[in-house]
Amino acid sequence: KPVTPKDPIPNRKDPSAFKEGELEHFWECKHCKSLPLQWRATGSVVFSVDAPTIDIVGRHLSVCQGSNPLRIPRDASMKLEEDEDGATKVIVHWDNIDNKRKSHRIKGAKVIKK
């Protein structure tokens, strides 16, 4: 029987998931705040006088991966290239300061024939 991986977010409807940051009116998700912004799911930071609403929290928590970084950072660029056989491939590029790499090949990417 396949094992279901443990969800990194214990309660995806937790209204207290966002904590006040060091700056005034700056709220961040407590589950992913240890990651650099580009590796977090969308909506991990909110600028608001009041605590973020449950709708805002819920939208982020529905995609939050906790301390697991996104497979592709949000600041990556993507482009399509056609090879000599007419197949289209997706090229994903980002600066990876930690590994000194400029791009990454996605495992399992599918080539689309025209």
PDB file of N, CA and C in Angstrom:
ATOM      1  N   LYS A   1       0.852  -1.181   0.000  1.00  0.00           N
ATOM      2  CA  LYS A   1       0.000   0.000   0.000  1.00  0.00           C
ATOM      3  C   LYS A   1       0.895   1.240   0.000  1.00  0.00           C
ATOM      4  N   PRO A   2       0.651   2.218  -0.923  1.00  0.00           N
ATOM      5  CA  PRO A   2       1.494   3.411  -0.959  1.00  0.00           C
ATOM      6  C   PRO A   2       1.328   4.257   0.310  1.00  0.00           C
ATOM      7  N   VAL A   3       2.428   4.834   0.735  1.00  0.00           N
ATOM      8  CA  VAL A   3       2.416   5.684   1.926  1.00  0.00           C
ATOM      9  C   VAL A   3       2.170   7.126   1.492  1.00  0.00           C
ATOM     10  N   THR A   4       1.171   7.762   2.084  1.00  0.00           N
ATOM     11  CA  THR A   4       0.886   9.165   1.796  1.00  0.00           C
ATOM     12  C   THR A   4       1.881  10.026   2.562  1.00  0.00           C
ATOM     13  N   PRO A   5       2.579  10.946   1.854  1.00  0.00           N
ATOM     14  CA  PRO A   5       3.528  11.793   2.572  1.00  0.00           C
ATOM     15  C   PRO A   5       2.815  12.682   3.594  1.00  0.00           C
ATOM     16  N   LYS A   6       3.503  12.969   4.680  1.00  0.00           N
ATOM     17  CA  LYS A   6       2.937  13.813   5.735  1.00  0.00           C
ATOM     18  C   LYS A   6       2.807  15.247   5.227  1.00  0.00           C
ATOM     19  N   ASP A   7       1.665  15.849   5.467  1.00  0.00           N
ATOM     20  CA  ASP A   7       1.419  17.234   5.079  1.00  0.00           C
ATOM     21  C   ASP A   7       2.309  18.140   5.938  1.00  0.00           C
ATOM     22  N   PRO A   8       3.108  19.036   5.319  1.00  0.00           N
ATOM     23  CA  PRO A   8       3.967  19.922   6.105  1.00  0.00           C
ATOM     24  C   PRO A   8       3.196  20.982   6.904  1.00  0.00           C
ATOM     25  N   ILE A   9       1.920  21.160   6.582  1.00  0.00           N
ATOM     26  CA  ILE A   9       1.086  22.139   7.284  1.00  0.00           C
ATOM     27  C   ILE A   9       0.057  21.366   8.097  1.00  0.00           C
ATOM     28  N   PRO A  10       0.169  21.384   9.429  1.00  0.00           N
ATOM     29  CA  PRO A  10      -0.741  20.586  10.257  1.00  0.00           C
ATOM     30  C   PRO A  10      -2.212  20.998  10.166  1.00  0.00           C
ATOM     31  N   ASN A  11      -2.470  22.305   9.972  1.00  0.00           N
ATOM     32  CA  ASN A  11      -3.852  22.781   9.900  1.00  0.00           C
ATOM     33  C   ASN A  11      -3.934  23.862   8.827  1.00  0.00           C
ATOM     34  N   ARG A  12      -4.476  23.512   7.681  1.00  0.00           N
ATOM     35  CA  ARG A  12      -4.541  24.455   6.564  1.00  0.00           C
ATOM     36  C   ARG A  12      -5.662  25.483   6.704  1.00  0.00           C
ATOM     37  N   LYS A  13      -6.369  25.465   7.809  1.00  0.00           N
ATOM     38  CA  LYS A  13      -7.404  26.472   8.082  1.00  0.00           C
ATOM     39  C   LYS A  13      -7.072  27.266   9.344  1.00  0.00           C
ATOM     40  N   ASP A  14      -5.801  27.288   9.717  1.00  0.00           N
ATOM     41  CA  ASP A  14      -5.347  27.930  10.955  1.00  0.00           C
ATOM     42  C   ASP A  14      -5.276  29.453  10.796  1.00  0.00           C
ATOM     43  N   PRO A  15      -6.167  30.202  11.440  1.00  0.00           N
ATOM     44  CA  PRO A  15      -6.144  31.661  11.304  1.00  0.00           C
ATOM     45  C   PRO A  15      -4.904  32.308  11.929  1.00  0.00           C
ATOM     46  N   SER A  16      -4.188  31.565  12.776  1.00  0.00           N
ATOM     47  CA  SER A  16      -2.994  32.130  13.420  1.00  0.00           C
ATOM     48  C   SER A  16      -1.705  31.764  12.680  1.00  0.00           C
ATOM     49  N   ALA A  17      -1.814  31.299  11.433  1.00  0.00           N
ATOM     50  CA  ALA A  17      -0.633  30.876  10.675  1.00  0.00           C
ATOM     51  C   ALA A  17       0.284  32.052  10.330  1.00  0.00           C
ATOM     52  N   PHE A  18      -0.263  33.258  10.286  1.00  0.00           N
ATOM     53  CA  PHE A  18       0.556  34.429   9.976  1.00  0.00           C
ATOM     54  C   PHE A  18       0.922  35.146  11.269  1.00  0.00           C
ATOM     55  N   LYS A  19       2.214  35.433  11.411  1.00  0.00           N
ATOM     56  CA  LYS A  19       2.741  36.115  12.593  1.00  0.00           C
ATOM     57  C   LYS A  19       3.281  37.474  12.176  1.00  0.00           C
ATOM     58  N   GLU A  20       3.206  38.435  13.112  1.00  0.00           N
ATOM     59  CA  GLU A  20       3.769  39.750  12.837  1.00  0.00           C
ATOM     60  C   GLU A  20       5.272  39.636  12.656  1.00  0.00           C
ATOM     61  N   GLY A  21       5.780  40.310  11.629  1.00  0.00           N
ATOM     62  CA  GLY A  21       7.212  40.314  11.364  1.00  0.00           C
ATOM     63  C   GLY A  21       7.904  41.410  12.165  1.00  0.00           C
ATOM     64  N   GLU A  22       9.167  41.632  11.848  1.00  0.00           N
ATOM     65  CA  GLU A  22       9.943  42.649  12.556  1.00  0.00           C
ATOM     66  C   GLU A  22       9.553  44.060  12.135  1.00  0.00           C
ATOM     67  N   LEU A  23       8.991  44.213  10.934  1.00  0.00           N
ATOM     68  CA  LEU A  23       8.540  45.512  10.462  1.00  0.00           C
ATOM     69  C   LEU A  23       7.059  45.691  10.791  1.00  0.00           C
ATOM     70  N   GLU A  24       6.680  46.907  11.087  1.00  0.00           N
ATOM     71  CA  GLU A  24       5.285  47.203  11.399  1.00  0.00           C
ATOM     72  C   GLU A  24       4.394  46.889  10.199  1.00  0.00           C
ATOM     73  N   HIS A  25       3.251  46.286  10.457  1.00  0.00           N
ATOM     74  CA  HIS A  25       2.252  45.925   9.437  1.00  0.00           C
ATOM     75  C   HIS A  25       2.754  44.852   8.467  1.00  0.00           C
ATOM     76  N   PHE A  26       3.746  44.092   8.860  1.00  0.00           N
ATOM     77  CA  PHE A  26       4.352  43.052   8.027  1.00  0.00           C
ATOM     78  C   PHE A  26       4.044  41.710   8.665  1.00  0.00           C
ATOM     79  N   TRP A  27       3.306  40.867   7.968  1.00  0.00           N
ATOM     80  CA  TRP A  27       2.886  39.560   8.470  1.00  0.00           C
ATOM     81  C   TRP A  27       3.457  38.482   7.562  1.00  0.00           C
ATOM     82  N   GLU A  28       3.943  37.381   8.145  1.00  0.00           N
ATOM     83  CA  GLU A  28       4.471  36.276   7.343  1.00  0.00           C
ATOM     84  C   GLU A  28       3.951  34.942   7.844  1.00  0.00           C
ATOM     85  N   CYS A  29       3.919  34.000   6.924  1.00  0.00           N
ATOM     86  CA  CYS A  29       3.498  32.644   7.268  1.00  0.00           C
ATOM     87  C   CYS A  29       4.553  32.002   8.164  1.00  0.00           C
ATOM     88  N   LYS A  30       4.131  31.487   9.298  1.00  0.00           N
ATOM     89  CA  LYS A  30       5.062  30.865  10.243  1.00  0.00           C
ATOM     90  C   LYS A  30       5.629  29.551   9.723  1.00  0.00           C
ATOM     91  N   HIS A  31       4.977  28.961   8.739  1.00  0.00           N
ATOM     92  CA  HIS A  31       5.412  27.662   8.225  1.00  0.00           C
ATOM     93  C   HIS A  31       6.547  27.769   7.207  1.00  0.00           C
ATOM     94  N   CYS A  32       6.601  28.864   6.461  1.00  0.00           N
ATOM     95  CA  CYS A  32       7.601  28.959   5.394  1.00  0.00           C
ATOM     96  C   CYS A  32       8.518  30.176   5.512  1.00  0.00           C
ATOM     97  N   LYS A  33       8.422  30.929   6.600  1.00  0.00           N
ATOM     98  CA  LYS A  33       9.198  32.163   6.718  1.00  0.00           C
ATOM     99  C   LYS A  33      10.709  31.945   6.753  1.00  0.00           C
ATOM    100  N   SER A  34      11.158  30.722   6.986  1.00  0.00           N
ATOM    101  CA  SER A  34      12.599  30.464   7.008  1.00  0.00           C
ATOM    102  C   SER A  34      13.196  30.393   5.597  1.00  0.00           C
ATOM    103  N   LEU A  35      12.354  30.299   4.579  1.00  0.00           N
ATOM    104  CA  LEU A  35      12.825  30.221   3.197  1.00  0.00           C
ATOM    105  C   LEU A  35      12.956  31.608   2.584  1.00  0.00           C
ATOM    106  N   PRO A  36      13.908  31.793   1.643  1.00  0.00           N
ATOM    107  CA  PRO A  36      13.948  33.059   0.887  1.00  0.00           C
ATOM    108  C   PRO A  36      12.618  33.232   0.132  1.00  0.00           C
ATOM    109  N   LEU A  37      12.202  34.473  -0.077  1.00  0.00           N
ATOM    110  CA  LEU A  37      10.888  34.759  -0.672  1.00  0.00           C
ATOM    111  C   LEU A  37      10.636  34.043  -1.988  1.00  0.00           C
ATOM    112  N   GLN A  38      11.618  33.976  -2.871  1.00  0.00           N
ATOM    113  CA  GLN A  38      11.378  33.379  -4.188  1.00  0.00           C
ATOM    114  C   GLN A  38      11.107  31.880  -4.118  1.00  0.00           C
ATOM    115  N   TRP A  39      11.446  31.232  -2.998  1.00  0.00           N
ATOM    116  CA  TRP A  39      11.232  29.792  -2.844  1.00  0.00           C
ATOM    117  C   TRP A  39       9.958  29.473  -2.061  1.00  0.00           C
ATOM    118  N   ARG A  40       9.222  30.501  -1.649  1.00  0.00           N
ATOM    119  CA  ARG A  40       7.967  30.304  -0.915  1.00  0.00           C
ATOM    120  C   ARG A  40       6.784  30.324  -1.873  1.00  0.00           C
ATOM    121  N   ALA A  41       5.701  29.713  -1.444  1.00  0.00           N
ATOM    122  CA  ALA A  41       4.458  29.767  -2.215  1.00  0.00           C
ATOM    123  C   ALA A  41       3.909  31.195  -2.187  1.00  0.00           C
ATOM    124  N   THR A  42       3.136  31.521  -3.196  1.00  0.00           N
ATOM    125  CA  THR A  42       2.518  32.843  -3.320  1.00  0.00           C
ATOM    126  C   THR A  42       1.716  33.198  -2.070  1.00  0.00           C
ATOM    127  N   GLY A  43       1.798  34.461  -1.675  1.00  0.00           N
ATOM    128  CA  GLY A  43       0.990  34.957  -0.562  1.00  0.00           C
ATOM    129  C   GLY A  43       1.581  34.735   0.805  1.00  0.00           C
ATOM    130  N   SER A  44       2.875  34.445   0.901  1.00  0.00           N
ATOM    131  CA  SER A  44       3.482  34.149   2.208  1.00  0.00           C
ATOM    132  C   SER A  44       3.725  35.398   3.041  1.00  0.00           C
ATOM    133  N   VAL A  45       3.656  36.565   2.417  1.00  0.00           N
ATOM    134  CA  VAL A  45       3.880  37.836   3.106  1.00  0.00           C
ATOM    135  C   VAL A  45       2.689  38.749   2.832  1.00  0.00           C
ATOM    136  N   VAL A  46       2.201  39.403   3.871  1.00  0.00           N
ATOM    137  CA  VAL A  46       1.069  40.322   3.753  1.00  0.00           C
ATOM    138  C   VAL A  46       1.426  41.616   4.475  1.00  0.00           C
ATOM    139  N   PHE A  47       1.172  42.755   3.830  1.00  0.00           N
ATOM    140  CA  PHE A  47       1.330  44.051   4.472  1.00  0.00           C
ATOM    141  C   PHE A  47      -0.068  44.536   4.829  1.00  0.00           C
ATOM    142  N   SER A  48      -0.329  44.663   6.121  1.00  0.00           N
ATOM    143  CA  SER A  48      -1.665  45.010   6.585  1.00  0.00           C
ATOM    144  C   SER A  48      -1.595  45.566   8.006  1.00  0.00           C
ATOM    145  N   VAL A  49      -2.430  46.558   8.298  1.00  0.00           N
ATOM    146  CA  VAL A  49      -2.508  47.109   9.651  1.00  0.00           C
ATOM    147  C   VAL A  49      -3.035  46.039  10.607  1.00  0.00           C
ATOM    148  N   ASP A  50      -4.043  45.305  10.161  1.00  0.00           N
ATOM    149  CA  ASP A  50      -4.643  44.243  10.970  1.00  0.00           C
ATOM    150  C   ASP A  50      -4.122  42.888  10.515  1.00  0.00           C
ATOM    151  N   ALA A  51      -4.340  41.890  11.343  1.00  0.00           N
ATOM    152  CA  ALA A  51      -3.969  40.520  10.977  1.00  0.00           C
ATOM    153  C   ALA A  51      -4.658  40.144   9.666  1.00  0.00           C
ATOM    154  N   PRO A  52      -4.002  39.360   8.824  1.00  0.00           N
ATOM    155  CA  PRO A  52      -4.629  38.944   7.560  1.00  0.00           C
ATOM    156  C   PRO A  52      -5.941  38.203   7.819  1.00  0.00           C
ATOM    157  N   THR A  53      -6.877  38.392   6.915  1.00  0.00           N
ATOM    158  CA  THR A  53      -8.171  37.716   7.041  1.00  0.00           C
ATOM    159  C   THR A  53      -8.006  36.220   6.811  1.00  0.00           C
ATOM    160  N   ILE A  54      -8.983  35.453   7.233  1.00  0.00           N
ATOM    161  CA  ILE A  54      -8.936  34.005   7.044  1.00  0.00           C
ATOM    162  C   ILE A  54      -8.935  33.658   5.552  1.00  0.00           C
ATOM    163  N   ASP A  55      -9.543  34.493   4.712  1.00  0.00           N
ATOM    164  CA  ASP A  55      -9.514  34.258   3.261  1.00  0.00           C
ATOM    165  C   ASP A  55      -8.087  34.365   2.721  1.00  0.00           C
ATOM    166  N   ILE A  56      -7.362  35.394   3.145  1.00  0.00           N
ATOM    167  CA  ILE A  56      -5.972  35.580   2.707  1.00  0.00           C
ATOM    168  C   ILE A  56      -5.100  34.445   3.227  1.00  0.00           C
ATOM    169  N   VAL A  57      -5.254  34.119   4.498  1.00  0.00           N
ATOM    170  CA  VAL A  57      -4.491  33.025   5.108  1.00  0.00           C
ATOM    171  C   VAL A  57      -4.798  31.712   4.385  1.00  0.00           C
ATOM    172  N   GLY A  58      -6.066  31.443   4.143  1.00  0.00           N
ATOM    173  CA  GLY A  58      -6.483  30.207   3.495  1.00  0.00           C
ATOM    174  C   GLY A  58      -5.929  30.055   2.087  1.00  0.00           C
ATOM    175  N   ARG A  59      -5.900  31.162   1.327  1.00  0.00           N
ATOM    176  CA  ARG A  59      -5.351  31.099  -0.038  1.00  0.00           C
ATOM    177  C   ARG A  59      -3.880  30.690  -0.001  1.00  0.00           C
ATOM    178  N   HIS A  60      -3.127  31.290   0.923  1.00  0.00           N
ATOM    179  CA  HIS A  60      -1.711  30.916   1.011  1.00  0.00           C
ATOM    180  C   HIS A  60      -1.552  29.486   1.521  1.00  0.00           C
ATOM    181  N   LEU A  61      -2.248  29.138   2.590  1.00  0.00           N
ATOM    182  CA  LEU A  61      -2.074  27.807   3.167  1.00  0.00           C
ATOM    183  C   LEU A  61      -2.495  26.690   2.210  1.00  0.00           C
ATOM    184  N   SER A  62      -3.364  27.006   1.254  1.00  0.00           N
ATOM    185  CA  SER A  62      -3.775  25.977   0.287  1.00  0.00           C
ATOM    186  C   SER A  62      -2.626  25.566  -0.632  1.00  0.00           C
ATOM    187  N   VAL A  63      -1.594  26.402  -0.746  1.00  0.00           N
ATOM    188  CA  VAL A  63      -0.446  26.093  -1.614  1.00  0.00           C
ATOM    189  C   VAL A  63       0.888  26.053  -0.866  1.00  0.00           C
ATOM    190  N   CYS A  64       0.880  26.428   0.404  1.00  0.00           N
ATOM    191  CA  CYS A  64       2.113  26.471   1.198  1.00  0.00           C
ATOM    192  C   CYS A  64       2.712  25.068   1.336  1.00  0.00           C
ATOM    193  N   GLN A  65       4.029  24.997   1.226  1.00  0.00           N
ATOM    194  CA  GLN A  65       4.745  23.732   1.372  1.00  0.00           C
ATOM    195  C   GLN A  65       5.609  23.711   2.627  1.00  0.00           C
ATOM    196  N   GLY A  66       5.323  24.637   3.540  1.00  0.00           N
ATOM    197  CA  GLY A  66       6.102  24.689   4.776  1.00  0.00           C
ATOM    198  C   GLY A  66       7.550  25.024   4.489  1.00  0.00           C
ATOM    199  N   SER A  67       8.466  24.328   5.128  1.00  0.00           N
ATOM    200  CA  SER A  67       9.892  24.606   4.939  1.00  0.00           C
ATOM    201  C   SER A  67      10.468  23.907   3.707  1.00  0.00           C
ATOM    202  N   ASN A  68       9.614  23.251   2.914  1.00  0.00           N
ATOM    203  CA  ASN A  68      10.062  22.627   1.663  1.00  0.00           C
ATOM    204  C   ASN A  68      10.003  23.671   0.551  1.00  0.00           C
ATOM    205  N   PRO A  69      11.127  23.994  -0.079  1.00  0.00           N
ATOM    206  CA  PRO A  69      11.103  25.029  -1.122  1.00  0.00           C
ATOM    207  C   PRO A  69      10.340  24.575  -2.353  1.00  0.00           C
ATOM    208  N   LEU A  70       9.839  25.545  -3.111  1.00  0.00           N
ATOM    209  CA  LEU A  70       9.208  25.258  -4.389  1.00  0.00           C
ATOM    210  C   LEU A  70      10.224  24.563  -5.294  1.00  0.00           C
ATOM    211  N   ARG A  71       9.766  23.745  -6.218  1.00  0.00           N
ATOM    212  CA  ARG A  71      10.691  23.074  -7.156  1.00  0.00           C
ATOM    213  C   ARG A  71      11.296  24.074  -8.137  1.00  0.00           C
ATOM    214  N   ILE A  72      10.520  25.077  -8.493  1.00  0.00           N
ATOM    215  CA  ILE A  72      10.986  26.151  -9.369  1.00  0.00           C
ATOM    216  C   ILE A  72      10.681  27.456  -8.639  1.00  0.00           C
ATOM    217  N   PRO A  73      11.682  28.329  -8.453  1.00  0.00           N
ATOM    218  CA  PRO A  73      11.416  29.574  -7.730  1.00  0.00           C
ATOM    219  C   PRO A  73      10.472  30.483  -8.512  1.00  0.00           C
ATOM    220  N   ARG A  74       9.802  31.343  -7.784  1.00  0.00           N
ATOM    221  CA  ARG A  74       8.821  32.234  -8.417  1.00  0.00           C
ATOM    222  C   ARG A  74       9.465  33.235  -9.360  1.00  0.00           C
ATOM    223  N   ASP A  75      10.763  33.518  -9.201  1.00  0.00           N
ATOM    224  CA  ASP A  75      11.419  34.488 -10.079  1.00  0.00           C
ATOM    225  C   ASP A  75      12.102  33.827 -11.288  1.00  0.00           C
ATOM    226  N   ALA A  76      11.803  32.566 -11.539  1.00  0.00           N
ATOM    227  CA  ALA A  76      12.377  31.864 -12.697  1.00  0.00           C
ATOM    228  C   ALA A  76      11.759  32.393 -13.989  1.00  0.00           C
ATOM    229  N   SER A  77      12.539  32.296 -15.058  1.00  0.00           N
ATOM    230  CA  SER A  77      11.991  32.640 -16.372  1.00  0.00           C
ATOM    231  C   SER A  77      11.853  31.346 -17.170  1.00  0.00           C
ATOM    232  N   MET A  78      10.842  31.314 -18.014  1.00  0.00           N
ATOM    233  CA  MET A  78      10.589  30.123 -18.818  1.00  0.00           C
ATOM    234  C   MET A  78      10.399  30.538 -20.267  1.00  0.00           C
ATOM    235  N   LYS A  79      10.905  29.692 -21.155  1.00  0.00           N
ATOM    236  CA  LYS A  79      10.696  29.956 -22.575  1.00  0.00           C
ATOM    237  C   LYS A  79      10.567  28.632 -23.303  1.00  0.00           C
ATOM    238  N   LEU A  80       9.937  28.687 -24.460  1.00  0.00           N
ATOM    239  CA  LEU A  80       9.777  27.510 -25.318  1.00  0.00           C
ATOM    240  C   LEU A  80      10.821  27.571 -26.417  1.00  0.00           C
ATOM    241  N   GLU A  81      11.418  26.435 -26.719  1.00  0.00           N
ATOM    242  CA  GLU A  81      12.360  26.327 -27.828  1.00  0.00           C
ATOM    243  C   GLU A  81      11.973  25.135 -28.675  1.00  0.00           C
ATOM    244  N   GLU A  82      12.163  25.274 -29.967  1.00  0.00           N
ATOM    245  CA  GLU A  82      11.858  24.180 -30.879  1.00  0.00           C
ATOM    246  C   GLU A  82      13.171  23.560 -31.341  1.00  0.00           C
ATOM    247  N   ASP A  83      13.256  22.233 -31.302  1.00  0.00           N
ATOM    248  CA  ASP A  83      14.481  21.586 -31.753  1.00  0.00           C
ATOM    249  C   ASP A  83      14.370  21.249 -33.241  1.00  0.00           C
ATOM    250  N   GLU A  84      15.419  20.642 -33.783  1.00  0.00           N
ATOM    251  CA  GLU A  84      15.462  20.354 -35.222  1.00  0.00           C
ATOM    252  C   GLU A  84      14.399  19.363 -35.674  1.00  0.00           C
ATOM    253  N   ASP A  85      13.856  18.574 -34.763  1.00  0.00           N
ATOM    254  CA  ASP A  85      12.797  17.625 -35.103  1.00  0.00           C
ATOM    255  C   ASP A  85      11.401  18.235 -35.016  1.00  0.00           C
ATOM    256  N   GLY A  86      11.318  19.505 -34.641  1.00  0.00           N
ATOM    257  CA  GLY A  86      10.022  20.158 -34.505  1.00  0.00           C
ATOM    258  C   GLY A  86       9.372  19.967 -33.145  1.00  0.00           C
ATOM    259  N   ALA A  87      10.101  19.352 -32.207  1.00  0.00           N
ATOM    260  CA  ALA A  87       9.564  19.170 -30.853  1.00  0.00           C
ATOM    261  C   ALA A  87       9.793  20.451 -30.053  1.00  0.00           C
ATOM    262  N   THR A  88       8.855  20.788 -29.209  1.00  0.00           N
ATOM    263  CA  THR A  88       8.966  21.970 -28.368  1.00  0.00           C
ATOM    264  C   THR A  88       9.399  21.548 -26.979  1.00  0.00           C
ATOM    265  N   LYS A  89      10.387  22.234 -26.438  1.00  0.00           N
ATOM    266  CA  LYS A  89      10.831  21.947 -25.076  1.00  0.00           C
ATOM    267  C   LYS A  89      10.738  23.223 -24.252  1.00  0.00           C
ATOM    268  N   VAL A  90      10.546  23.050 -22.967  1.00  0.00           N
ATOM    269  CA  VAL A  90      10.448  24.165 -22.035  1.00  0.00           C
ATOM    270  C   VAL A  90      11.804  24.342 -21.376  1.00  0.00           C
ATOM    271  N   ILE A  91      12.336  25.551 -21.440  1.00  0.00           N
ATOM    272  CA  ILE A  91      13.605  25.891 -20.799  1.00  0.00           C
ATOM    273  C   ILE A  91      13.286  26.758 -19.587  1.00  0.00           C
ATOM    274  N   VAL A  92      13.741  26.315 -18.416  1.00  0.00           N
ATOM    275  CA  VAL A  92      13.511  27.049 -17.168  1.00  0.00           C
ATOM    276  C   VAL A  92      14.864  27.551 -16.692  1.00  0.00           C
ATOM    277  N   HIS A  93      14.947  28.846 -16.359  1.00  0.00           N
ATOM    278  CA  HIS A  93      16.216  29.452 -15.973  1.00  0.00           C
ATOM    279  C   HIS A  93      16.032  30.275 -14.704  1.00  0.00           C
ATOM    280  N   TRP A  94      16.972  30.135 -13.794  1.00  0.00           N
ATOM    281  CA  TRP A  94      17.007  31.001 -12.622  1.00  0.00           C
ATOM    282  C   TRP A  94      18.412  31.055 -12.076  1.00  0.00           C
ATOM    283  N   ASP A  95      18.687  32.107 -11.327  1.00  0.00           N
ATOM    284  CA  ASP A  95      19.975  32.240 -10.657  1.00  0.00           C
ATOM    285  C   ASP A  95      19.912  31.490  -9.354  1.00  0.00           C
ATOM    286  N   ASN A  96      20.835  30.579  -9.167  1.00  0.00           N
ATOM    287  CA  ASN A  96      20.890  29.790  -7.946  1.00  0.00           C
ATOM    288  C   ASN A  96      22.213  30.112  -7.265  1.00  0.00           C
ATOM    289  N   ILE A  97      22.189  31.101  -6.398  1.00  0.00           N
ATOM    290  CA  ILE A  97      23.405  31.588  -5.750  1.00  0.00           C
ATOM    291  C   ILE A  97      24.079  30.486  -4.934  1.00  0.00           C
ATOM    292  N   ASP A  98      23.299  29.669  -4.251  1.00  0.00           N
ATOM    293  CA  ASP A  98      23.874  28.633  -3.394  1.00  0.00           C
ATOM    294  C   ASP A  98      24.688  27.613  -4.183  1.00  0.00           C
ATOM    295  N   ASN A  99      24.206  27.215  -5.352  1.00  0.00           N
ATOM    296  CA  ASN A  99      24.885  26.175  -6.131  1.00  0.00           C
ATOM    297  C   ASN A  99      25.675  26.728  -7.306  1.00  0.00           C
ATOM    298  N   LYS A 100      25.671  28.050  -7.474  1.00  0.00           N
ATOM    299  CA  LYS A 100      26.396  28.708  -8.564  1.00  0.00           C
ATOM    300  C   LYS A 100      25.942  28.232  -9.942  1.00  0.00           C
ATOM    301  N   ARG A 101      24.684  27.773 -10.046  1.00  0.00           N
ATOM    302  CA  ARG A 101      24.143  27.335 -11.319  1.00  0.00           C
ATOM    303  C   ARG A 101      23.209  28.406 -11.854  1.00  0.00           C
ATOM    304  N   LYS A 102      23.097  28.482 -13.156  1.00  0.00           N
ATOM    305  CA  LYS A 102      22.234  29.471 -13.781  1.00  0.00           C
ATOM    306  C   LYS A 102      20.946  28.867 -14.317  1.00  0.00           C
ATOM    307  N   SER A 103      20.866  27.562 -14.414  1.00  0.00           N
ATOM    308  CA  SER A 103      19.633  26.971 -14.927  1.00  0.00           C
ATOM    309  C   SER A 103      19.479  25.576 -14.361  1.00  0.00           C
ATOM    310  N   HIS A 104      18.335  25.009 -14.643  1.00  0.00           N
ATOM    311  CA  HIS A 104      18.024  23.699 -14.086  1.00  0.00           C
ATOM    312  C   HIS A 104      17.198  22.936 -15.099  1.00  0.00           C
ATOM    313  N   ARG A 105      17.504  21.693 -15.295  1.00  0.00           N
ATOM    314  CA  ARG A 105      16.723  20.850 -16.194  1.00  0.00           C
ATOM    315  C   ARG A 105      15.675  20.131 -15.358  1.00  0.00           C
ATOM    316  N   ILE A 106      14.447  20.192 -15.793  1.00  0.00           N
ATOM    317  CA  ILE A 106      13.353  19.580 -15.043  1.00  0.00           C
ATOM    318  C   ILE A 106      13.264  18.103 -15.396  1.00  0.00           C
ATOM    319  N   LYS A 107      13.379  17.249 -14.394  1.00  0.00           N
ATOM    320  CA  LYS A 107      13.266  15.816 -14.633  1.00  0.00           C
ATOM    321  C   LYS A 107      11.830  15.476 -15.010  1.00  0.00           C
ATOM    322  N   GLY A 108      11.691  14.611 -15.971  1.00  0.00           N
ATOM    323  CA  GLY A 108      10.358  14.167 -16.364  1.00  0.00           C
ATOM    324  C   GLY A 108       9.613  15.151 -17.237  1.00  0.00           C
ATOM    325  N   ALA A 109      10.292  16.209 -17.700  1.00  0.00           N
ATOM    326  CA  ALA A 109       9.617  17.175 -18.563  1.00  0.00           C
ATOM    327  C   ALA A 109       9.262  16.488 -19.877  1.00  0.00           C
ATOM    328  N   LYS A 110       8.119  16.808 -20.405  1.00  0.00           N
ATOM    329  CA  LYS A 110       7.659  16.168 -21.625  1.00  0.00           C
ATOM    330  C   LYS A 110       7.955  17.036 -22.823  1.00  0.00           C
ATOM    331  N   VAL A 111       8.375  16.419 -23.889  1.00  0.00           N
ATOM    332  CA  VAL A 111       8.585  17.118 -25.155  1.00  0.00           C
ATOM    333  C   VAL A 111       7.284  17.039 -25.939  1.00  0.00           C
ATOM    334  N   ILE A 112       6.845  18.169 -26.424  1.00  0.00           N
ATOM    335  CA  ILE A 112       5.566  18.238 -27.136  1.00  0.00           C
ATOM    336  C   ILE A 112       5.844  18.293 -28.630  1.00  0.00           C
ATOM    337  N   LYS A 113       5.344  17.314 -29.368  1.00  0.00           N
ATOM    338  CA  LYS A 113       5.498  17.296 -30.828  1.00  0.00           C
ATOM    339  C   LYS A 113       4.382  18.124 -31.445  1.00  0.00           C
ATOM    340  N   LYS A 114       4.739  18.880 -32.462  1.00  0.00           N
ATOM    341  CA  LYS A 114       3.729  19.670 -33.169  1.00  0.00           C
ATOM    342  C   LYS A 114       3.007  18.826 -34.175  1.00  0.00           C
TER     343      LYS A 114
END
